[in-house]
Protein backbone atom coordinates (compact mmCIF):
# COMPACT_ATOMS: atom_id res chain seq x y z
CA MET A 1 25.59 8.25 67.64
CA GLU A 2 22.21 9.32 68.99
CA GLN A 3 21.14 7.80 72.31
CA ARG A 4 18.41 5.48 71.00
CA VAL A 5 17.73 1.95 69.82
CA SER A 6 15.96 1.43 66.49
CA LEU A 7 15.70 -2.35 66.12
CA ILE A 8 16.18 -5.39 68.31
CA THR A 9 16.84 -8.54 66.27
CA LEU A 10 16.21 -11.89 67.91
CA GLY A 11 18.01 -14.83 66.33
CA VAL A 12 15.57 -17.74 66.34
CA ALA A 13 15.75 -21.41 65.39
CA ASP A 14 12.36 -21.42 63.62
CA VAL A 15 10.98 -18.10 62.36
CA ALA A 16 7.44 -19.47 61.86
CA ALA A 17 7.28 -20.95 65.38
CA ALA A 18 8.67 -17.75 66.90
CA ARG A 19 6.10 -15.69 64.98
CA GLU A 20 3.31 -17.91 66.31
CA PHE A 21 4.64 -17.49 69.85
CA TYR A 22 4.60 -13.70 69.65
CA ALA A 23 1.22 -13.72 67.88
CA ALA A 24 -0.15 -15.66 70.86
CA LEU A 25 0.96 -12.72 73.01
CA GLY A 26 -1.03 -10.36 70.79
CA TRP A 27 1.82 -9.09 68.60
CA HIS A 28 1.08 -8.41 64.95
CA GLY A 29 4.02 -8.81 62.59
CA ARG A 30 4.78 -8.61 58.93
CA GLU A 31 6.96 -11.15 57.15
CA VAL A 32 9.58 -9.65 54.86
CA GLU A 33 12.26 -11.76 53.16
CA GLU A 34 12.41 -14.57 55.74
CA THR A 35 12.17 -12.20 58.71
CA VAL A 36 9.22 -10.98 60.76
CA PHE A 37 9.02 -7.33 61.80
CA PHE A 38 6.97 -6.07 64.74
CA GLN A 39 6.38 -2.42 65.54
CA ALA A 40 7.06 -2.18 69.27
CA GLY A 41 6.37 1.36 70.41
CA GLY A 42 9.07 3.57 68.94
CA LEU A 43 11.30 0.71 67.82
CA GLY A 44 11.10 -2.52 65.88
CA VAL A 45 11.62 -6.10 66.94
CA VAL A 46 12.76 -8.50 64.24
CA LEU A 47 12.73 -12.30 64.21
CA TRP A 48 15.44 -13.73 61.96
CA GLY A 49 17.00 -17.14 61.61
CA ARG A 50 19.83 -17.42 64.11
CA GLU A 51 22.29 -18.81 61.54
CA LYS A 52 21.48 -16.02 59.08
CA LEU A 53 21.88 -13.35 61.75
CA ALA A 54 25.29 -14.75 62.72
CA ALA A 55 26.39 -14.94 59.10
CA ASP A 56 25.23 -11.39 58.41
CA GLY A 57 27.37 -10.07 61.25
CA ARG A 58 30.27 -12.37 60.35
CA LEU A 59 29.95 -13.92 63.79
CA GLU A 60 30.61 -17.46 64.82
CA ASP A 61 27.45 -18.82 66.41
CA ALA A 62 28.62 -20.82 69.39
CA GLY A 63 25.14 -22.33 69.52
CA ALA A 64 25.15 -21.78 73.26
CA ASP A 65 21.76 -21.50 74.85
CA GLY A 66 21.06 -19.99 78.21
CA PHE A 67 21.41 -16.57 79.70
CA GLY A 68 23.53 -14.30 77.54
CA GLY A 69 23.56 -11.25 79.79
CA VAL A 70 20.63 -9.47 78.09
CA ALA A 71 16.98 -9.21 79.09
CA LEU A 72 14.21 -7.51 77.15
CA ALA A 73 11.65 -5.75 79.31
CA HIS A 74 7.99 -4.87 78.89
CA ASN A 75 6.70 -2.40 81.46
CA ALA A 76 3.02 -2.97 82.19
CA ARG A 77 0.51 -0.42 83.41
CA SER A 78 -0.61 -2.55 86.37
CA ARG A 79 0.12 -5.65 88.42
CA GLU A 80 -2.91 -7.31 86.84
CA GLU A 81 -1.46 -6.69 83.39
CA VAL A 82 1.79 -8.37 84.49
CA ASP A 83 -0.17 -11.45 85.57
CA ALA A 84 -2.17 -11.53 82.32
CA ILE A 85 0.92 -11.24 80.11
CA VAL A 86 2.79 -13.94 82.02
CA ALA A 87 -0.23 -16.27 81.79
CA ALA A 88 -0.49 -15.68 78.03
CA ALA A 89 3.26 -16.29 77.59
CA GLU A 90 3.08 -19.55 79.52
CA ALA A 91 0.08 -20.69 77.48
CA ALA A 92 2.06 -19.90 74.30
CA GLY A 93 4.98 -22.09 75.40
CA ALA A 94 7.19 -19.74 77.41
CA THR A 95 9.18 -21.00 80.36
CA ILE A 96 8.44 -18.96 83.47
CA THR A 97 11.78 -18.48 85.20
CA LYS A 98 10.48 -16.24 87.99
CA ALA A 99 6.83 -15.99 88.96
CA ALA A 100 5.49 -12.48 89.51
CA GLU A 101 6.39 -11.07 92.88
CA GLU A 102 7.04 -7.81 94.72
CA THR A 103 10.31 -6.10 93.78
CA PHE A 104 12.89 -4.18 95.80
CA TYR A 105 11.79 -0.93 94.09
CA GLY A 106 8.13 -1.24 95.12
CA GLY A 107 6.98 -2.79 91.88
CA TYR A 108 5.88 -6.20 90.69
CA ALA A 109 7.72 -8.33 88.12
CA ALA A 110 8.16 -11.75 86.53
CA TYR A 111 10.56 -13.29 84.02
CA PHE A 112 10.10 -15.80 81.23
CA THR A 113 12.05 -17.13 78.27
CA ASP A 114 10.56 -17.44 74.81
CA LEU A 115 10.90 -20.52 72.58
CA ASP A 116 14.54 -19.64 71.81
CA GLY A 117 15.57 -18.73 75.34
CA HIS A 118 15.34 -14.94 74.93
CA VAL A 119 14.73 -13.51 78.39
CA TRP A 120 11.78 -11.20 78.99
CA GLU A 121 11.01 -9.26 82.15
CA ILE A 122 7.40 -8.21 82.58
CA ALA A 123 7.20 -5.51 85.22
CA HIS A 124 4.99 -2.87 86.74
CA ASN A 125 7.06 -0.01 88.16
CA PRO A 126 4.85 2.63 89.78
CA SER A 127 7.66 5.20 89.32
CA PHE A 128 7.61 4.91 85.52
CA THR A 129 5.02 6.61 83.34
CA ILE A 130 3.78 4.76 80.28
CA ALA A 131 2.29 7.11 77.68
CA ASP A 132 -0.79 6.27 75.65
CA ASP A 133 1.46 5.22 72.75
CA GLY A 134 3.30 2.77 75.03
CA SER A 135 6.48 4.81 75.31
CA LEU A 136 8.26 4.77 78.64
CA GLN A 137 9.07 8.01 80.41
CA LEU A 138 11.80 7.64 83.01
CA PRO A 139 11.35 9.75 86.15
CA PHE A 140 14.89 11.14 86.15
């Protein structure tokens, strides 16, 4: 298997509400067969009904909300961009779980959860390069 991720699928309670949330953050998606696809740099993010996602994978959905051990991250180009994104997320209905603050690595970061509890970190890491196309270049 190649070392890459192609799609991230978020199981959501209400696809339309989730689409509106991400649209409020400036994301532009396309609805296809009861899912919404977003181009996110070199990969795709998909919103799909949580029950349908569980059924497709033949998984039992425990229906448990809360932290599941995974966080999605958006690396911003500046501290000001972190603040702007977090403000837009809060205005769209996100729950801010950690206000933006200095990090141990010399950066600046905040966390929020979307309408379905998916965790997002919004961070500026001065050691990371973000290309014009939004791709992240790790320094090592």
